[in-house]
């Protein structure tokens, strides 16, 4: 199992120290990776929340835009109708 580790041939005590050093380094790396994972998970959650808010805002603004377009169209129709009525009234 430890065949892939490079051991200088200096005896079992030195080999044990090298293995313990590598295990300690691995534990430190695992701790740092765990903290990174927690940090990025929190960041992801915040970004997802902002994305949901932005998506909701886009839907609201699109609805408002459609209502505004419809209101403008209605006002223009009323304007055209009143102009036509005014022209017909003047012709009589």
Protein backbone atom coordinates (compact mmCIF):
# COMPACT_ATOMS: atom_id res chain seq x y z
CA UNK A 1 0.00 0.00 0.00
CA UNK A 2 2.84 2.39 0.76
CA UNK A 3 4.95 1.15 -2.15
CA UNK A 4 4.28 4.34 -4.14
CA UNK A 5 5.93 6.52 -1.44
CA UNK A 6 9.57 7.36 -1.91
CA UNK A 7 11.50 6.27 1.16
CA UNK A 8 15.16 6.94 1.51
CA UNK A 9 16.67 3.73 2.85
CA UNK A 10 17.40 4.96 6.39
CA UNK A 11 15.51 2.54 8.55
CA UNK A 12 12.01 1.95 9.87
CA UNK A 13 11.97 4.93 12.24
CA UNK A 14 12.69 7.36 9.44
CA UNK A 15 10.06 5.69 7.27
CA UNK A 16 7.54 6.12 10.07
CA UNK A 17 8.38 9.82 10.34
CA UNK A 18 7.99 10.28 6.60
CA UNK A 19 4.62 8.53 6.62
CA UNK A 20 3.45 10.59 9.60
CA UNK A 21 4.58 13.77 7.86
CA UNK A 22 2.66 12.84 4.71
CA UNK A 23 -0.43 11.93 6.77
CA UNK A 24 -0.24 15.26 8.61
CA UNK A 25 0.10 17.10 5.29
CA UNK A 26 -2.87 15.18 3.93
CA UNK A 27 -4.98 16.08 6.96
CA UNK A 28 -4.08 19.74 6.58
CA UNK A 29 -4.96 19.63 2.91
CA UNK A 30 -8.26 17.93 3.75
CA UNK A 31 -9.05 20.61 6.35
CA UNK A 32 -8.33 23.39 3.85
CA UNK A 33 -10.39 21.70 1.15
CA UNK A 34 -13.29 21.26 3.58
CA UNK A 35 -13.16 24.96 4.47
CA UNK A 36 -13.01 25.86 0.77
CA UNK A 37 -16.03 23.66 0.10
CA UNK A 38 -18.01 25.32 2.89
CA UNK A 39 -17.03 28.78 1.65
CA UNK A 40 -17.95 28.03 -1.96
CA UNK A 41 -21.21 26.38 -0.93
CA UNK A 42 -22.15 29.54 0.95
CA UNK A 43 -21.14 31.69 -2.01
CA UNK A 44 -23.19 29.50 -4.36
CA UNK A 45 -26.24 29.82 -2.12
CA UNK A 46 -25.91 33.62 -2.12
CA UNK A 47 -25.52 33.75 -5.90
CA UNK A 48 -28.52 31.46 -6.40
CA UNK A 49 -30.60 33.74 -4.16
CA UNK A 50 -29.54 36.78 -6.19
CA UNK A 51 -30.34 34.92 -9.40
CA UNK A 52 -33.86 34.03 -8.20
CA UNK A 53 -34.43 37.67 -7.21
CA UNK A 54 -33.18 38.86 -10.61
CA UNK A 55 -35.40 36.35 -12.43
CA UNK A 56 -38.43 37.51 -10.44
CA UNK A 57 -37.56 41.12 -11.20
CA UNK A 58 -37.30 40.34 -14.92
CA UNK A 59 -40.76 38.77 -14.87
CA UNK A 60 -42.18 41.81 -13.06
CA UNK A 61 -40.55 44.24 -15.48
CA UNK A 62 -41.74 42.26 -18.52
CA UNK A 63 -45.29 42.31 -17.15
CA UNK A 64 -45.04 46.04 -16.54
CA UNK A 65 -43.68 46.55 -20.07
CA UNK A 66 -46.56 44.59 -21.61
CA UNK A 67 -49.13 46.56 -19.60
CA UNK A 68 -47.48 49.83 -20.63
CA UNK A 69 -47.49 48.80 -24.30
CA UNK A 70 -51.18 47.88 -24.06
CA UNK A 71 -52.02 51.17 -22.34
CA UNK A 72 -50.13 53.11 -25.04
CA UNK A 73 -51.98 51.21 -27.75
CA UNK A 74 -55.33 51.89 -26.06
CA UNK A 75 -54.54 55.60 -25.73
CA UNK A 76 -53.49 55.80 -29.36
CA UNK A 77 -56.71 54.07 -30.42
CA UNK A 78 -58.72 56.54 -28.35
CA UNK A 79 -56.78 59.42 -29.89
CA UNK A 80 -57.41 58.16 -33.43
CA UNK A 81 -61.07 57.60 -32.65
CA UNK A 82 -61.44 61.11 -31.23
CA UNK A 83 -59.66 62.63 -34.24
CA UNK A 84 -61.94 60.73 -36.60
CA UNK A 85 -65.01 61.85 -34.62
CA UNK A 86 -63.71 65.44 -34.67
CA UNK A 87 -63.19 65.31 -38.47
CA UNK A 88 -66.65 63.80 -39.03
CA UNK A 89 -68.21 66.46 -36.83
CA UNK A 90 -66.51 69.24 -38.80
CA UNK A 91 -67.68 67.78 -42.12
CA UNK A 92 -71.37 67.84 -41.11
